[in-house]
N, C-alpha and C. Protein backbone atom coordinates (compact mmCIF):
# COMPACT_ATOMS: atom_id res chain seq x y z
N UNK A 1 7.49 -12.05 -11.26
CA UNK A 1 7.50 -11.08 -10.52
C UNK A 1 8.41 -9.74 -11.51
N UNK A 2 8.05 -8.78 -11.21
CA UNK A 2 8.55 -7.68 -11.90
C UNK A 2 9.79 -6.90 -10.69
N UNK A 3 10.85 -6.78 -11.07
CA UNK A 3 12.02 -5.94 -10.70
C UNK A 3 12.76 -4.67 -11.37
N UNK A 4 13.23 -3.88 -10.86
CA UNK A 4 13.40 -2.64 -11.10
C UNK A 4 14.76 -2.18 -10.26
N UNK A 5 15.75 -1.89 -11.21
CA UNK A 5 17.23 -1.62 -10.15
C UNK A 5 16.66 0.06 -9.73
N UNK A 6 17.40 0.27 -8.61
CA UNK A 6 17.31 1.53 -8.37
C UNK A 6 19.03 1.66 -8.03
N UNK A 7 18.94 3.15 -7.83
CA UNK A 7 20.54 3.61 -7.26
C UNK A 7 19.87 3.94 -6.14
N UNK A 8 20.92 4.07 -5.08
CA UNK A 8 21.54 4.27 -3.82
C UNK A 8 22.00 5.53 -3.94
N UNK A 9 21.06 6.72 -3.04
CA UNK A 9 21.62 8.05 -2.89
C UNK A 9 23.04 7.78 -2.48
N UNK A 10 23.90 9.34 -1.79
CA UNK A 10 24.79 9.10 -0.84
C UNK A 10 24.37 8.62 0.71
N UNK A 11 23.16 9.58 0.86
CA UNK A 11 22.85 9.16 2.37
C UNK A 11 21.79 7.70 2.09
N UNK A 12 22.38 6.64 1.17
CA UNK A 12 21.61 5.41 1.11
C UNK A 12 19.93 5.55 1.04
N UNK A 13 19.64 6.47 0.54
CA UNK A 13 17.95 6.48 0.04
C UNK A 13 18.02 6.12 -1.20
N UNK A 14 16.85 5.54 -1.42
CA UNK A 14 16.17 5.18 -2.81
C UNK A 14 15.08 5.78 -2.98
N UNK A 15 14.28 5.90 -4.11
CA UNK A 15 13.27 6.47 -4.34
C UNK A 15 12.34 5.59 -5.14
N UNK A 16 11.03 4.80 -4.33
CA UNK A 16 10.02 4.21 -4.52
C UNK A 16 9.50 4.76 -5.85
N UNK A 17 9.94 3.66 -7.06
CA UNK A 17 9.03 4.21 -8.00
C UNK A 17 7.27 4.69 -7.85
N UNK A 18 6.95 5.50 -8.79
CA UNK A 18 5.15 5.63 -8.46
C UNK A 18 4.43 4.92 -8.30
N UNK A 19 4.52 3.86 -9.70
CA UNK A 19 3.65 2.51 -9.78
C UNK A 19 3.74 1.93 -8.42
N UNK A 20 4.52 2.03 -8.10
CA UNK A 20 4.60 0.71 -6.41
C UNK A 20 4.38 1.64 -5.46
N UNK A 21 4.67 2.87 -5.38
CA UNK A 21 3.98 3.69 -4.28
C UNK A 21 2.29 3.93 -4.37
N UNK A 22 1.83 4.01 -5.27
CA UNK A 22 0.53 3.78 -6.03
C UNK A 22 -0.16 2.48 -5.44
N UNK A 23 0.25 1.22 -6.04
CA UNK A 23 -0.41 0.12 -5.87
C UNK A 23 0.17 -0.46 -4.31
N UNK A 24 0.56 0.27 -3.27
CA UNK A 24 1.06 -0.40 -2.38
C UNK A 24 0.61 0.59 -1.45
N UNK A 25 0.12 1.48 -2.01
CA UNK A 25 -0.40 2.66 -0.88
C UNK A 25 0.41 3.51 -0.03
N UNK A 26 1.67 3.41 -0.56
CA UNK A 26 2.67 3.94 -0.21
C UNK A 26 2.92 5.54 -0.19
N UNK A 27 2.50 6.59 1.04
CA UNK A 27 2.61 8.02 0.35
C UNK A 27 3.31 9.12 0.91
N UNK A 28 3.91 10.36 1.01
CA UNK A 28 4.73 10.78 0.90
C UNK A 28 4.21 11.23 2.75
N UNK A 29 5.33 11.03 3.68
CA UNK A 29 5.17 11.20 5.33
C UNK A 29 5.02 9.93 5.72
N UNK A 30 4.28 8.85 5.10
CA UNK A 30 3.64 8.04 5.95
C UNK A 30 5.34 7.01 6.27
N UNK A 31 5.02 6.09 7.13
CA UNK A 31 5.93 5.11 7.49
C UNK A 31 5.80 3.48 6.43
N UNK A 32 7.12 3.24 6.20
CA UNK A 32 7.12 1.59 5.77
C UNK A 32 8.08 0.92 6.44
N UNK A 33 7.60 -0.80 6.54
CA UNK A 33 8.24 -1.82 6.97
C UNK A 33 9.38 -1.99 6.19
N UNK A 34 10.51 -2.11 6.88
CA UNK A 34 11.49 -2.75 6.26
C UNK A 34 11.64 -4.21 6.85
N UNK A 35 11.74 -5.30 6.24
CA UNK A 35 11.91 -6.17 6.83
C UNK A 35 13.46 -7.41 6.04
N UNK A 36 14.59 -7.45 6.82
CA UNK A 36 15.24 -8.54 6.55
C UNK A 36 15.10 -10.05 5.89
N UNK A 37 15.53 -10.74 4.93
CA UNK A 37 14.90 -11.65 5.03
C UNK A 37 16.03 -12.18 4.57
N UNK A 38 16.61 -13.31 3.93
CA UNK A 38 17.76 -14.47 3.51
C UNK A 38 17.90 -14.16 2.39
N UNK A 39 16.55 -13.57 1.69
CA UNK A 39 17.03 -13.26 0.15
C UNK A 39 17.37 -11.70 -0.30
N UNK A 40 17.29 -10.83 0.61
CA UNK A 40 17.13 -9.36 0.58
C UNK A 40 16.46 -8.71 1.91
N UNK A 41 16.26 -7.30 1.46
CA UNK A 41 15.10 -6.69 2.74
C UNK A 41 13.86 -7.02 1.59
N UNK A 42 12.88 -6.39 2.61
CA UNK A 42 11.25 -6.77 2.37
C UNK A 42 10.84 -4.76 2.28
N UNK A 43 10.31 -3.90 1.69
CA UNK A 43 9.91 -2.89 1.63
C UNK A 43 8.30 -3.22 1.61
N UNK A 44 7.55 -2.44 2.44
CA UNK A 44 6.10 -3.14 2.51
C UNK A 44 5.81 -1.76 3.34
N UNK A 45 3.95 -1.31 3.06
CA UNK A 45 3.41 -0.85 3.51
C UNK A 45 2.84 -0.95 5.38
N UNK A 46 2.68 -0.75 6.07
CA UNK A 46 2.19 -0.98 7.10
C UNK A 46 0.74 -1.55 7.21
N UNK A 47 0.46 -2.58 8.07
CA UNK A 47 -0.84 -2.42 7.91
C UNK A 47 -1.78 -1.61 8.42
N UNK A 48 -2.75 -1.10 7.66
CA UNK A 48 -4.04 0.08 8.28
C UNK A 48 -4.89 -0.65 9.13
N UNK A 49 -4.92 -0.22 10.99
CA UNK A 49 -5.46 -0.93 12.01
C UNK A 49 -6.78 -1.13 11.39
N UNK A 50 -7.26 0.17 11.35
CA UNK A 50 -8.65 0.03 10.63
C UNK A 50 -9.28 -0.96 9.53
N UNK A 51 -8.20 -1.30 8.63
CA UNK A 51 -8.61 -2.13 7.96
C UNK A 51 -8.43 -3.75 8.38
N UNK A 52 -7.49 -3.79 9.35
CA UNK A 52 -6.99 -5.25 9.94
C UNK A 52 -8.12 -5.41 10.60
N UNK A 53 -8.79 -4.43 11.45
CA UNK A 53 -9.91 -4.99 12.43
C UNK A 53 -11.02 -5.22 11.33
N UNK A 54 -11.60 -4.28 10.53
CA UNK A 54 -12.62 -4.79 9.62
C UNK A 54 -12.41 -5.99 8.57
N UNK A 55 -11.45 -6.61 8.86
CA UNK A 55 -11.03 -7.91 8.03
C UNK A 55 -11.61 -9.18 9.14
N UNK A 56 -11.11 -8.95 10.77
CA UNK A 56 -11.21 -9.55 11.54
C UNK A 56 -12.73 -9.91 11.77
N UNK A 57 -13.31 -8.23 11.54
CA UNK A 57 -15.06 -8.41 11.69
C UNK A 57 -15.67 -9.78 11.29
N UNK A 58 -15.06 -9.17 9.76
CA UNK A 58 -16.20 -9.96 8.68
C UNK A 58 -15.65 -11.67 8.65
N UNK A 59 -14.35 -11.81 9.08
CA UNK A 59 -13.92 -13.12 9.46
C UNK A 59 -14.82 -14.12 10.73
N UNK A 60 -15.20 -13.07 11.69
CA UNK A 60 -15.80 -13.93 12.67
C UNK A 60 -16.84 -14.22 12.44
N UNK A 61 -17.44 -13.40 11.41
CA UNK A 61 -19.42 -12.99 10.98
C UNK A 61 -18.91 -14.71 10.42
N UNK A 62 -18.01 -14.67 9.44
CA UNK A 62 -18.23 -15.86 8.68
C UNK A 62 -18.00 -17.06 9.28
N UNK A 63 -17.12 -17.50 10.73
CA UNK A 63 -17.07 -18.09 11.25
C UNK A 63 -18.34 -18.72 12.41
N UNK A 64 -19.08 -17.62 12.75
CA UNK A 64 -19.73 -17.71 13.54
C UNK A 64 -20.71 -18.95 13.06
N UNK A 65 -21.14 -19.76 14.14
CA UNK A 65 -22.25 -20.82 13.80
C UNK A 65 -21.20 -21.50 13.02
N UNK A 66 -20.23 -21.79 12.86
CA UNK A 66 -19.63 -23.08 12.97
C UNK A 66 -19.43 -24.40 13.64
N UNK A 67 -19.41 -23.48 14.32
CA UNK A 67 -19.06 -24.34 15.61
C UNK A 67 -17.80 -24.43 16.32
N UNK A 68 -17.22 -23.54 15.18
CA UNK A 68 -15.65 -23.44 15.95
C UNK A 68 -15.17 -22.61 16.68
N UNK A 69 -14.64 -22.87 18.13
CA UNK A 69 -13.95 -22.28 19.00
C UNK A 69 -12.66 -22.30 19.03
N UNK A 70 -11.96 -20.91 19.29
CA UNK A 70 -10.72 -20.72 19.68
C UNK A 70 -10.14 -21.05 21.01
N UNK A 71 -8.85 -21.83 20.96
CA UNK A 71 -9.07 -21.55 22.09
C UNK A 71 -7.08 -21.35 22.31
N UNK A 72 -6.95 -20.87 23.71
CA UNK A 72 -5.65 -20.33 23.78
C UNK A 72 -4.59 -20.80 23.14
N UNK A 73 -3.82 -19.78 22.23
CA UNK A 73 -2.64 -20.69 21.39
C UNK A 73 -3.51 -21.32 19.97
N UNK A 74 -4.35 -20.97 19.67
CA UNK A 74 -4.31 -21.36 18.36
C UNK A 74 -3.50 -20.46 17.18
N UNK A 75 -3.61 -19.55 17.43
CA UNK A 75 -2.50 -18.84 16.54
C UNK A 75 -1.28 -18.10 16.18
N UNK A 76 -0.94 -19.23 17.62
CA UNK A 76 0.71 -18.92 17.65
C UNK A 76 1.60 -18.95 16.75
N UNK A 77 1.22 -20.21 16.04
CA UNK A 77 1.79 -20.01 14.21
C UNK A 77 1.20 -19.22 13.32
N UNK A 78 0.88 -18.41 13.11
CA UNK A 78 -0.10 -17.84 12.11
C UNK A 78 0.25 -16.22 12.30
N UNK A 79 0.88 -16.06 11.21
CA UNK A 79 1.60 -14.62 10.89
C UNK A 79 0.55 -13.73 10.72
N UNK A 80 -0.37 -12.91 11.46
CA UNK A 80 -1.81 -12.58 11.05
C UNK A 80 -1.51 -10.89 9.71
N UNK A 81 -0.48 -10.90 9.03
CA UNK A 81 -0.41 -9.58 8.71
C UNK A 81 -0.44 -10.56 7.40
N UNK A 82 0.49 -11.83 7.21
CA UNK A 82 0.51 -12.70 5.95
C UNK A 82 -0.87 -13.25 6.04
N UNK A 83 -1.85 -13.36 6.67
CA UNK A 83 -3.18 -13.84 6.51
C UNK A 83 -3.98 -12.85 6.07
N UNK A 84 -4.09 -12.01 5.86
CA UNK A 84 -4.60 -10.53 5.58
C UNK A 84 -4.14 -9.79 4.30
N UNK A 85 -2.97 -10.20 4.08
CA UNK A 85 -2.82 -9.63 2.80
C UNK A 85 -3.01 -10.26 1.13
N UNK A 86 -4.52 -10.24 1.41
CA UNK A 86 -4.90 -11.30 0.54
C UNK A 86 -4.93 -10.32 -0.37
N UNK A 87 -5.25 -8.94 -0.65
CA UNK A 87 -5.61 -7.94 -1.51
C UNK A 87 -4.40 -7.05 -2.01
N UNK A 88 -3.24 -7.95 -1.60
CA UNK A 88 -2.10 -6.74 -2.22
C UNK A 88 -1.98 -7.81 -3.04
N UNK A 89 -1.29 -7.04 -3.94
CA UNK A 89 -0.62 -7.43 -5.29
C UNK A 89 0.82 -7.98 -5.27
């Protein structure tokens, strides 16, 4: 894992390096998600709703015909954002 040390500005601001912004699709004026964890803060781009829907459609096609029927509560323990972060480096 790569780590970069950043300085915090007077208003608590940090600048996300360009290489990371490009890699994770973080663009000027767009939102990011900040999540507190036991090890510190996680900054990430929000999930694109269209991409998520397309992945759900693809997954549905793959699952069709397998005889797998979803039941109420099956996804209770699944974090869908983690489930579909397969392509994120």
